[in-house]
Amino acid sequence: QGRWVDGDDKRSPPATVFDMGKPTRS
């Protein structure tokens, strides 16, 4: 599901836990 957005809407996608979390090898 999604929303059709205006062509002028340049908002960046919200940061997720995968972006903000601390990377760890294991």
mmCIF file of all heavy atoms, coordinates in Angstrom:
data_MODEL
# 
_entry.id   MODEL 
# 
loop_
_atom_site.group_PDB 
_atom_site.id 
_atom_site.type_symbol 
_atom_site.label_atom_id 
_atom_site.label_alt_id 
_atom_site.label_comp_id 
_atom_site.label_asym_id 
_atom_site.label_entity_id 
_atom_site.label_seq_id 
_atom_site.pdbx_PDB_ins_code 
_atom_site.Cartn_x 
_atom_site.Cartn_y 
_atom_site.Cartn_z 
_atom_site.occupancy 
_atom_site.B_iso_or_equiv 
_atom_site.pdbx_formal_charge 
_atom_site.auth_seq_id 
_atom_site.auth_comp_id 
_atom_site.auth_asym_id 
_atom_site.auth_atom_id 
_atom_site.pdbx_PDB_model_num 
ATOM 1   N N   . GLN A 1 1  ? 0.850  -1.184  0.000   1.00 0.00 ? 1  GLN A N   1 
ATOM 2   C CA  . GLN A 1 1  ? 0.000  0.000   0.000   1.00 0.00 ? 1  GLN A CA  1 
ATOM 3   C C   . GLN A 1 1  ? 0.888  1.235   0.000   1.00 0.00 ? 1  GLN A C   1 
ATOM 4   O O   . GLN A 1 1  ? 1.995  1.224   0.542   1.00 0.00 ? 1  GLN A O   1 
ATOM 5   C CB  . GLN A 1 1  ? -0.909 0.009   1.224   1.00 0.00 ? 1  GLN A CB  1 
ATOM 6   C CG  . GLN A 1 1  ? -1.936 -1.106  1.231   1.00 0.00 ? 1  GLN A CG  1 
ATOM 7   C CD  . GLN A 1 1  ? -2.824 -1.068  2.458   1.00 0.00 ? 1  GLN A CD  1 
ATOM 8   O OE1 . GLN A 1 1  ? -2.639 -0.248  3.362   1.00 0.00 ? 1  GLN A OE1 1 
ATOM 9   N NE2 . GLN A 1 1  ? -3.795 -1.969  2.513   1.00 0.00 ? 1  GLN A NE2 1 
ATOM 10  N N   . GLY A 1 2  ? 0.397  2.287   -0.638  1.00 0.00 ? 2  GLY A N   1 
ATOM 11  C CA  . GLY A 1 2  ? 1.195  3.500   -0.698  1.00 0.00 ? 2  GLY A CA  1 
ATOM 12  C C   . GLY A 1 2  ? 0.343  4.730   -0.942  1.00 0.00 ? 2  GLY A C   1 
ATOM 13  O O   . GLY A 1 2  ? -0.880 4.647   -1.120  1.00 0.00 ? 2  GLY A O   1 
ATOM 14  N N   . ARG A 1 3  ? 1.011  5.861   -0.946  1.00 0.00 ? 3  ARG A N   1 
ATOM 15  C CA  . ARG A 1 3  ? 0.352  7.147   -1.145  1.00 0.00 ? 3  ARG A CA  1 
ATOM 16  C C   . ARG A 1 3  ? 1.007  7.856   -2.325  1.00 0.00 ? 3  ARG A C   1 
ATOM 17  O O   . ARG A 1 3  ? 2.228  7.958   -2.401  1.00 0.00 ? 3  ARG A O   1 
ATOM 18  C CB  . ARG A 1 3  ? 0.460  8.001   0.119   1.00 0.00 ? 3  ARG A CB  1 
ATOM 19  C CG  . ARG A 1 3  ? -0.131 9.389   0.017   1.00 0.00 ? 3  ARG A CG  1 
ATOM 20  C CD  . ARG A 1 3  ? -0.293 10.008  1.390   1.00 0.00 ? 3  ARG A CD  1 
ATOM 21  N NE  . ARG A 1 3  ? -1.261 9.241   2.185   1.00 0.00 ? 3  ARG A NE  1 
ATOM 22  C CZ  . ARG A 1 3  ? -1.621 9.571   3.412   1.00 0.00 ? 3  ARG A CZ  1 
ATOM 23  N NH1 . ARG A 1 3  ? -1.110 10.617  4.014   1.00 0.00 ? 3  ARG A NH1 1 
ATOM 24  N NH2 . ARG A 1 3  ? -2.509 8.835   4.067   1.00 0.00 ? 3  ARG A NH2 1 
ATOM 25  N N   . TRP A 1 4  ? 0.180  8.305   -3.241  1.00 0.00 ? 4  TRP A N   1 
ATOM 26  C CA  . TRP A 1 4  ? 0.671  9.071   -4.390  1.00 0.00 ? 4  TRP A CA  1 
ATOM 27  C C   . TRP A 1 4  ? 1.071  10.454  -3.876  1.00 0.00 ? 4  TRP A C   1 
ATOM 28  O O   . TRP A 1 4  ? 0.256  11.157  -3.284  1.00 0.00 ? 4  TRP A O   1 
ATOM 29  C CB  . TRP A 1 4  ? -0.428 9.178   -5.432  1.00 0.00 ? 4  TRP A CB  1 
ATOM 30  C CG  . TRP A 1 4  ? 0.017  9.679   -6.778  1.00 0.00 ? 4  TRP A CG  1 
ATOM 31  C CD1 . TRP A 1 4  ? 0.077  10.961  -7.195  1.00 0.00 ? 4  TRP A CD1 1 
ATOM 32  C CD2 . TRP A 1 4  ? 0.428  8.875   -7.883  1.00 0.00 ? 4  TRP A CD2 1 
ATOM 33  N NE1 . TRP A 1 4  ? 0.516  11.036  -8.487  1.00 0.00 ? 4  TRP A NE1 1 
ATOM 34  C CE2 . TRP A 1 4  ? 0.738  9.771   -8.953  1.00 0.00 ? 4  TRP A CE2 1 
ATOM 35  C CE3 . TRP A 1 4  ? 0.581  7.510   -8.102  1.00 0.00 ? 4  TRP A CE3 1 
ATOM 36  C CZ2 . TRP A 1 4  ? 1.178  9.321   -10.200 1.00 0.00 ? 4  TRP A CZ2 1 
ATOM 37  C CZ3 . TRP A 1 4  ? 1.015  7.070   -9.335  1.00 0.00 ? 4  TRP A CZ3 1 
ATOM 38  C CH2 . TRP A 1 4  ? 1.306  7.962   -10.375 1.00 0.00 ? 4  TRP A CH2 1 
ATOM 39  N N   . VAL A 1 5  ? 2.332  10.823  -4.054  1.00 0.00 ? 5  VAL A N   1 
ATOM 40  C CA  . VAL A 1 5  ? 2.812  12.084  -3.486  1.00 0.00 ? 5  VAL A CA  1 
ATOM 41  C C   . VAL A 1 5  ? 3.076  13.098  -4.587  1.00 0.00 ? 5  VAL A C   1 
ATOM 42  O O   . VAL A 1 5  ? 3.355  12.754  -5.739  1.00 0.00 ? 5  VAL A O   1 
ATOM 43  C CB  . VAL A 1 5  ? 4.098  11.881  -2.648  1.00 0.00 ? 5  VAL A CB  1 
ATOM 44  C CG1 . VAL A 1 5  ? 3.817  10.975  -1.469  1.00 0.00 ? 5  VAL A CG1 1 
ATOM 45  C CG2 . VAL A 1 5  ? 5.224  11.314  -3.484  1.00 0.00 ? 5  VAL A CG2 1 
ATOM 46  N N   . ASP A 1 6  ? 2.966  14.350  -4.198  1.00 0.00 ? 6  ASP A N   1 
ATOM 47  C CA  . ASP A 1 6  ? 3.196  15.450  -5.128  1.00 0.00 ? 6  ASP A CA  1 
ATOM 48  C C   . ASP A 1 6  ? 4.640  15.440  -5.605  1.00 0.00 ? 6  ASP A C   1 
ATOM 49  O O   . ASP A 1 6  ? 5.563  15.114  -4.855  1.00 0.00 ? 6  ASP A O   1 
ATOM 50  C CB  . ASP A 1 6  ? 2.881  16.781  -4.430  1.00 0.00 ? 6  ASP A CB  1 
ATOM 51  C CG  . ASP A 1 6  ? 2.922  17.945  -5.389  1.00 0.00 ? 6  ASP A CG  1 
ATOM 52  O OD1 . ASP A 1 6  ? 4.029  18.488  -5.565  1.00 0.00 ? 6  ASP A OD1 1 
ATOM 53  O OD2 . ASP A 1 6  ? 1.873  18.309  -5.940  1.00 0.00 ? 6  ASP A OD2 1 
ATOM 54  N N   . GLY A 1 7  ? 4.848  15.811  -6.835  1.00 0.00 ? 7  GLY A N   1 
ATOM 55  C CA  . GLY A 1 7  ? 6.193  15.805  -7.396  1.00 0.00 ? 7  GLY A CA  1 
ATOM 56  C C   . GLY A 1 7  ? 7.140  16.742  -6.679  1.00 0.00 ? 7  GLY A C   1 
ATOM 57  O O   . GLY A 1 7  ? 8.366  16.579  -6.751  1.00 0.00 ? 7  GLY A O   1 
ATOM 58  N N   . ASP A 1 8  ? 6.603  17.751  -5.972  1.00 0.00 ? 8  ASP A N   1 
ATOM 59  C CA  . ASP A 1 8  ? 7.445  18.693  -5.243  1.00 0.00 ? 8  ASP A CA  1 
ATOM 60  C C   . ASP A 1 8  ? 7.778  18.205  -3.827  1.00 0.00 ? 8  ASP A C   1 
ATOM 61  O O   . ASP A 1 8  ? 8.499  18.863  -3.100  1.00 0.00 ? 8  ASP A O   1 
ATOM 62  C CB  . ASP A 1 8  ? 6.752  20.060  -5.146  1.00 0.00 ? 8  ASP A CB  1 
ATOM 63  C CG  . ASP A 1 8  ? 6.572  20.696  -6.527  1.00 0.00 ? 8  ASP A CG  1 
ATOM 64  O OD1 . ASP A 1 8  ? 7.427  20.439  -7.395  1.00 0.00 ? 8  ASP A OD1 1 
ATOM 65  O OD2 . ASP A 1 8  ? 5.588  21.431  -6.710  1.00 0.00 ? 8  ASP A OD2 1 
ATOM 66  N N   . ASP A 1 9  ? 7.211  17.063  -3.434  1.00 0.00 ? 9  ASP A N   1 
ATOM 67  C CA  . ASP A 1 9  ? 7.463  16.536  -2.091  1.00 0.00 ? 9  ASP A CA  1 
ATOM 68  C C   . ASP A 1 9  ? 8.827  15.851  -2.077  1.00 0.00 ? 9  ASP A C   1 
ATOM 69  O O   . ASP A 1 9  ? 8.993  14.750  -2.592  1.00 0.00 ? 9  ASP A O   1 
ATOM 70  C CB  . ASP A 1 9  ? 6.366  15.531  -1.719  1.00 0.00 ? 9  ASP A CB  1 
ATOM 71  C CG  . ASP A 1 9  ? 6.429  15.120  -0.260  1.00 0.00 ? 9  ASP A CG  1 
ATOM 72  O OD1 . ASP A 1 9  ? 7.509  15.237  0.342   1.00 0.00 ? 9  ASP A OD1 1 
ATOM 73  O OD2 . ASP A 1 9  ? 5.387  14.684  0.272   1.00 0.00 ? 9  ASP A OD2 1 
ATOM 74  N N   . LYS A 1 10 ? 9.806  16.485  -1.501  1.00 0.00 ? 10 LYS A N   1 
ATOM 75  C CA  . LYS A 1 10 ? 11.176 15.974  -1.503  1.00 0.00 ? 10 LYS A CA  1 
ATOM 76  C C   . LYS A 1 10 ? 11.579 15.411  -0.133  1.00 0.00 ? 10 LYS A C   1 
ATOM 77  O O   . LYS A 1 10 ? 12.766 15.256  0.149   1.00 0.00 ? 10 LYS A O   1 
ATOM 78  C CB  . LYS A 1 10 ? 12.157 17.085  -1.904  1.00 0.00 ? 10 LYS A CB  1 
ATOM 79  C CG  . LYS A 1 10 ? 11.842 17.735  -3.243  1.00 0.00 ? 10 LYS A CG  1 
ATOM 80  C CD  . LYS A 1 10 ? 11.922 16.739  -4.392  1.00 0.00 ? 10 LYS A CD  1 
ATOM 81  C CE  . LYS A 1 10 ? 11.682 17.433  -5.744  1.00 0.00 ? 10 LYS A CE  1 
ATOM 82  N NZ  . LYS A 1 10 ? 11.687 16.477  -6.864  1.00 0.00 ? 10 LYS A NZ  1 
ATOM 83  N N   . ARG A 1 11 ? 10.596 15.125  0.706   1.00 0.00 ? 11 ARG A N   1 
ATOM 84  C CA  . ARG A 1 11 ? 10.934 14.629  2.031   1.00 0.00 ? 11 ARG A CA  1 
ATOM 85  C C   . ARG A 1 11 ? 11.715 13.324  1.948   1.00 0.00 ? 11 ARG A C   1 
ATOM 86  O O   . ARG A 1 11 ? 11.376 12.428  1.166   1.00 0.00 ? 11 ARG A O   1 
ATOM 87  C CB  . ARG A 1 11 ? 9.675  14.414  2.859   1.00 0.00 ? 11 ARG A CB  1 
ATOM 88  C CG  . ARG A 1 11 ? 9.047  15.694  3.382   1.00 0.00 ? 11 ARG A CG  1 
ATOM 89  C CD  . ARG A 1 11 ? 7.800  15.388  4.184   1.00 0.00 ? 11 ARG A CD  1 
ATOM 90  N NE  . ARG A 1 11 ? 6.745  14.841  3.337   1.00 0.00 ? 11 ARG A NE  1 
ATOM 91  C CZ  . ARG A 1 11 ? 5.575  14.393  3.799   1.00 0.00 ? 11 ARG A CZ  1 
ATOM 92  N NH1 . ARG A 1 11 ? 5.338  14.418  5.106   1.00 0.00 ? 11 ARG A NH1 1 
ATOM 93  N NH2 . ARG A 1 11 ? 4.662  13.924  2.979   1.00 0.00 ? 11 ARG A NH2 1 
ATOM 94  N N   . SER A 1 12 ? 12.740 13.213  2.772   1.00 0.00 ? 12 SER A N   1 
ATOM 95  C CA  . SER A 1 12 ? 13.519 11.982  2.827   1.00 0.00 ? 12 SER A CA  1 
ATOM 96  C C   . SER A 1 12 ? 12.736 10.934  3.611   1.00 0.00 ? 12 SER A C   1 
ATOM 97  O O   . SER A 1 12 ? 11.958 11.266  4.499   1.00 0.00 ? 12 SER A O   1 
ATOM 98  C CB  . SER A 1 12 ? 14.865 12.234  3.506   1.00 0.00 ? 12 SER A CB  1 
ATOM 99  O OG  . SER A 1 12 ? 15.628 13.176  2.788   1.00 0.00 ? 12 SER A OG  1 
ATOM 100 N N   . PRO A 1 13 ? 12.937 9.661   3.286   1.00 0.00 ? 13 PRO A N   1 
ATOM 101 C CA  . PRO A 1 13 ? 12.252 8.620   4.057   1.00 0.00 ? 13 PRO A CA  1 
ATOM 102 C C   . PRO A 1 13 ? 12.713 8.651   5.501   1.00 0.00 ? 13 PRO A C   1 
ATOM 103 O O   . PRO A 1 13 ? 13.870 9.008   5.792   1.00 0.00 ? 13 PRO A O   1 
ATOM 104 C CB  . PRO A 1 13 ? 12.680 7.325   3.357   1.00 0.00 ? 13 PRO A CB  1 
ATOM 105 C CG  . PRO A 1 13 ? 13.932 7.664   2.621   1.00 0.00 ? 13 PRO A CG  1 
ATOM 106 C CD  . PRO A 1 13 ? 13.774 9.099   2.220   1.00 0.00 ? 13 PRO A CD  1 
ATOM 107 N N   . PRO A 1 14 ? 11.833 8.332   6.447   1.00 0.00 ? 14 PRO A N   1 
ATOM 108 C CA  . PRO A 1 14 ? 12.222 8.354   7.853   1.00 0.00 ? 14 PRO A CA  1 
ATOM 109 C C   . PRO A 1 14 ? 13.309 7.326   8.142   1.00 0.00 ? 14 PRO A C   1 
ATOM 110 O O   . PRO A 1 14 ? 13.342 6.250   7.537   1.00 0.00 ? 14 PRO A O   1 
ATOM 111 C CB  . PRO A 1 14 ? 10.916 8.005   8.582   1.00 0.00 ? 14 PRO A CB  1 
ATOM 112 C CG  . PRO A 1 14 ? 10.105 7.250   7.567   1.00 0.00 ? 14 PRO A CG  1 
ATOM 113 C CD  . PRO A 1 14 ? 10.439 7.857   6.242   1.00 0.00 ? 14 PRO A CD  1 
ATOM 114 N N   . ALA A 1 15 ? 14.207 7.681   9.052   1.00 0.00 ? 15 ALA A N   1 
ATOM 115 C CA  . ALA A 1 15 ? 15.262 6.749   9.440   1.00 0.00 ? 15 ALA A CA  1 
ATOM 116 C C   . ALA A 1 15 ? 14.647 5.557   10.181  1.00 0.00 ? 15 ALA A C   1 
ATOM 117 O O   . ALA A 1 15 ? 13.698 5.699   10.951  1.00 0.00 ? 15 ALA A O   1 
ATOM 118 C CB  . ALA A 1 15 ? 16.282 7.453   10.319  1.00 0.00 ? 15 ALA A CB  1 
ATOM 119 N N   . THR A 1 16 ? 15.170 4.383   9.925   1.00 0.00 ? 16 THR A N   1 
ATOM 120 C CA  . THR A 1 16 ? 14.685 3.170   10.575  1.00 0.00 ? 16 THR A CA  1 
ATOM 121 C C   . THR A 1 16 ? 15.732 2.659   11.554  1.00 0.00 ? 16 THR A C   1 
ATOM 122 O O   . THR A 1 16 ? 16.855 3.157   11.614  1.00 0.00 ? 16 THR A O   1 
ATOM 123 C CB  . THR A 1 16 ? 14.400 2.075   9.533   1.00 0.00 ? 16 THR A CB  1 
ATOM 124 O OG1 . THR A 1 16 ? 15.657 1.627   8.976   1.00 0.00 ? 16 THR A OG1 1 
ATOM 125 C CG2 . THR A 1 16 ? 13.505 2.609   8.406   1.00 0.00 ? 16 THR A CG2 1 
ATOM 126 N N   . VAL A 1 17 ? 15.366 1.639   12.311  1.00 0.00 ? 17 VAL A N   1 
ATOM 127 C CA  . VAL A 1 17 ? 16.331 1.060   13.248  1.00 0.00 ? 17 VAL A CA  1 
ATOM 128 C C   . VAL A 1 17 ? 17.516 0.470   12.498  1.00 0.00 ? 17 VAL A C   1 
ATOM 129 O O   . VAL A 1 17 ? 18.624 0.391   13.043  1.00 0.00 ? 17 VAL A O   1 
ATOM 130 C CB  . VAL A 1 17 ? 15.667 -0.017  14.123  1.00 0.00 ? 17 VAL A CB  1 
ATOM 131 C CG1 . VAL A 1 17 ? 14.560 0.590   14.965  1.00 0.00 ? 17 VAL A CG1 1 
ATOM 132 C CG2 . VAL A 1 17 ? 15.122 -1.162  13.290  1.00 0.00 ? 17 VAL A CG2 1 
ATOM 133 N N   . PHE A 1 18 ? 17.292 0.083   11.248  1.00 0.00 ? 18 PHE A N   1 
ATOM 134 C CA  . PHE A 1 18 ? 18.398 -0.460  10.457  1.00 0.00 ? 18 PHE A CA  1 
ATOM 135 C C   . PHE A 1 18 ? 19.396 0.640   10.086  1.00 0.00 ? 18 PHE A C   1 
ATOM 136 O O   . PHE A 1 18 ? 20.573 0.369   9.874   1.00 0.00 ? 18 PHE A O   1 
ATOM 137 C CB  . PHE A 1 18 ? 17.863 -1.142  9.200   1.00 0.00 ? 18 PHE A CB  1 
ATOM 138 C CG  . PHE A 1 18 ? 16.990 -2.330  9.491   1.00 0.00 ? 18 PHE A CG  1 
ATOM 139 C CD1 . PHE A 1 18 ? 15.601 -2.210  9.505   1.00 0.00 ? 18 PHE A CD1 1 
ATOM 140 C CD2 . PHE A 1 18 ? 17.540 -3.570  9.774   1.00 0.00 ? 18 PHE A CD2 1 
ATOM 141 C CE1 . PHE A 1 18 ? 14.793 -3.303  9.790   1.00 0.00 ? 18 PHE A CE1 1 
ATOM 142 C CE2 . PHE A 1 18 ? 16.748 -4.666  10.052  1.00 0.00 ? 18 PHE A CE2 1 
ATOM 143 C CZ  . PHE A 1 18 ? 15.369 -4.532  10.067  1.00 0.00 ? 18 PHE A CZ  1 
ATOM 144 N N   . ASP A 1 19 ? 18.899 1.882   10.005  1.00 0.00 ? 19 ASP A N   1 
ATOM 145 C CA  . ASP A 1 19 ? 19.782 3.022   9.733   1.00 0.00 ? 19 ASP A CA  1 
ATOM 146 C C   . ASP A 1 19 ? 20.462 3.526   11.003  1.00 0.00 ? 19 ASP A C   1 
ATOM 147 O O   . ASP A 1 19 ? 21.633 3.896   10.991  1.00 0.00 ? 19 ASP A O   1 
ATOM 148 C CB  . ASP A 1 19 ? 18.989 4.180   9.105   1.00 0.00 ? 19 ASP A CB  1 
ATOM 149 C CG  . ASP A 1 19 ? 18.247 3.778   7.849   1.00 0.00 ? 19 ASP A CG  1 
ATOM 150 O OD1 . ASP A 1 19 ? 18.843 3.093   7.012   1.00 0.00 ? 19 ASP A OD1 1 
ATOM 151 O OD2 . ASP A 1 19 ? 17.060 4.125   7.721   1.00 0.00 ? 19 ASP A OD2 1 
ATOM 152 N N   . MET A 1 20 ? 19.714 3.543   12.107  1.00 0.00 ? 20 MET A N   1 
ATOM 153 C CA  . MET A 1 20 ? 20.192 4.167   13.341  1.00 0.00 ? 20 MET A CA  1 
ATOM 154 C C   . MET A 1 20 ? 20.889 3.204   14.286  1.00 0.00 ? 20 MET A C   1 
ATOM 155 O O   . MET A 1 20 ? 21.625 3.622   15.176  1.00 0.00 ? 20 MET A O   1 
ATOM 156 C CB  . MET A 1 20 ? 19.020 4.826   14.073  1.00 0.00 ? 20 MET A CB  1 
ATOM 157 C CG  . MET A 1 20 ? 18.299 5.904   13.272  1.00 0.00 ? 20 MET A CG  1 
ATOM 158 S SD  . MET A 1 20 ? 16.972 6.689   14.216  1.00 0.00 ? 20 MET A SD  1 
ATOM 159 C CE  . MET A 1 20 ? 15.849 5.296   14.455  1.00 0.00 ? 20 MET A CE  1 
ATOM 160 N N   . GLY A 1 21 ? 20.651 1.896   14.116  1.00 0.00 ? 21 GLY A N   1 
ATOM 161 C CA  . GLY A 1 21 ? 21.221 0.922   15.031  1.00 0.00 ? 21 GLY A CA  1 
ATOM 162 C C   . GLY A 1 21 ? 22.731 0.805   14.893  1.00 0.00 ? 21 GLY A C   1 
ATOM 163 O O   . GLY A 1 21 ? 23.320 1.199   13.883  1.00 0.00 ? 21 GLY A O   1 
ATOM 164 N N   . LYS A 1 22 ? 23.344 0.253   15.917  1.00 0.00 ? 22 LYS A N   1 
ATOM 165 C CA  . LYS A 1 22 ? 24.790 0.066   15.913  1.00 0.00 ? 22 LYS A CA  1 
ATOM 166 C C   . LYS A 1 22 ? 25.138 -1.213  15.158  1.00 0.00 ? 22 LYS A C   1 
ATOM 167 O O   . LYS A 1 22 ? 24.713 -2.304  15.545  1.00 0.00 ? 22 LYS A O   1 
ATOM 168 C CB  . LYS A 1 22 ? 25.320 -0.029  17.345  1.00 0.00 ? 22 LYS A CB  1 
ATOM 169 C CG  . LYS A 1 22 ? 26.822 -0.255  17.424  1.00 0.00 ? 22 LYS A CG  1 
ATOM 170 C CD  . LYS A 1 22 ? 27.285 -0.405  18.863  1.00 0.00 ? 22 LYS A CD  1 
ATOM 171 C CE  . LYS A 1 22 ? 28.789 -0.676  18.916  1.00 0.00 ? 22 LYS A CE  1 
ATOM 172 N NZ  . LYS A 1 22 ? 29.265 -0.855  20.318  1.00 0.00 ? 22 LYS A NZ  1 
ATOM 173 N N   . PRO A 1 23 ? 25.922 -1.106  14.074  1.00 0.00 ? 23 PRO A N   1 
ATOM 174 C CA  . PRO A 1 23 ? 26.307 -2.318  13.340  1.00 0.00 ? 23 PRO A CA  1 
ATOM 175 C C   . PRO A 1 23 ? 27.169 -3.230  14.213  1.00 0.00 ? 23 PRO A C   1 
ATOM 176 O O   . PRO A 1 23 ? 28.016 -2.772  14.976  1.00 0.00 ? 23 PRO A O   1 
ATOM 177 C CB  . PRO A 1 23 ? 27.105 -1.779  12.149  1.00 0.00 ? 23 PRO A CB  1 
ATOM 178 C CG  . PRO A 1 23 ? 26.716 -0.342  12.031  1.00 0.00 ? 23 PRO A CG  1 
ATOM 179 C CD  . PRO A 1 23 ? 26.437 0.113   13.429  1.00 0.00 ? 23 PRO A CD  1 
ATOM 180 N N   . THR A 1 24 ? 26.932 -4.517  14.127  1.00 0.00 ? 24 THR A N   1 
ATOM 181 C CA  . THR A 1 24 ? 27.733 -5.490  14.856  1.00 0.00 ? 24 THR A CA  1 
ATOM 182 C C   . THR A 1 24 ? 27.975 -6.684  13.952  1.00 0.00 ? 24 THR A C   1 
ATOM 183 O O   . THR A 1 24 ? 27.098 -7.060  13.159  1.00 0.00 ? 24 THR A O   1 
ATOM 184 C CB  . THR A 1 24 ? 27.039 -5.939  16.158  1.00 0.00 ? 24 THR A CB  1 
ATOM 185 O OG1 . THR A 1 24 ? 27.862 -6.872  16.845  1.00 0.00 ? 24 THR A OG1 1 
ATOM 186 C CG2 . THR A 1 24 ? 25.695 -6.588  15.870  1.00 0.00 ? 24 THR A CG2 1 
ATOM 187 N N   . ARG A 1 25 ? 29.166 -7.250  14.051  1.00 0.00 ? 25 ARG A N   1 
ATOM 188 C CA  . ARG A 1 25 ? 29.479 -8.399  13.199  1.00 0.00 ? 25 ARG A CA  1 
ATOM 189 C C   . ARG A 1 25 ? 28.580 -9.578  13.544  1.00 0.00 ? 25 ARG A C   1 
ATOM 190 O O   . ARG A 1 25 ? 28.134 -10.314 12.666  1.00 0.00 ? 25 ARG A O   1 
ATOM 191 C CB  . ARG A 1 25 ? 30.943 -8.794  13.357  1.00 0.00 ? 25 ARG A CB  1 
ATOM 192 C CG  . ARG A 1 25 ? 31.362 -9.936  12.420  1.00 0.00 ? 25 ARG A CG  1 
ATOM 193 C CD  . ARG A 1 25 ? 32.818 -10.306 12.590  1.00 0.00 ? 25 ARG A CD  1 
ATOM 194 N NE  . ARG A 1 25 ? 33.197 -11.354 11.647  1.00 0.00 ? 25 ARG A NE  1 
ATOM 195 C CZ  . ARG A 1 25 ? 32.982 -12.653 11.855  1.00 0.00 ? 25 ARG A CZ  1 
ATOM 196 N NH1 . ARG A 1 25 ? 32.385 -13.050 12.964  1.00 0.00 ? 25 ARG A NH1 1 
ATOM 197 N NH2 . ARG A 1 25 ? 33.355 -13.547 10.942  1.00 0.00 ? 25 ARG A NH2 1 
ATOM 198 N N   . SER A 1 26 ? 28.328 -9.749  14.833  1.00 0.00 ? 26 SER A N   1 
ATOM 199 C CA  . SER A 1 26 ? 27.477 -10.859 15.258  1.00 0.00 ? 26 SER A CA  1 
ATOM 200 C C   . SER A 1 26 ? 26.879 -10.548 16.622  1.00 0.00 ? 26 SER A C   1 
ATOM 201 O O   . SER A 1 26 ? 27.557 -10.040 17.511  1.00 0.00 ? 26 SER A O   1 
ATOM 202 C CB  . SER A 1 26 ? 28.290 -12.157 15.328  1.00 0.00 ? 26 SER A CB  1 
ATOM 203 O OG  . SER A 1 26 ? 27.460 -13.256 15.639  1.00 0.00 ? 26 SER A OG  1 
# 
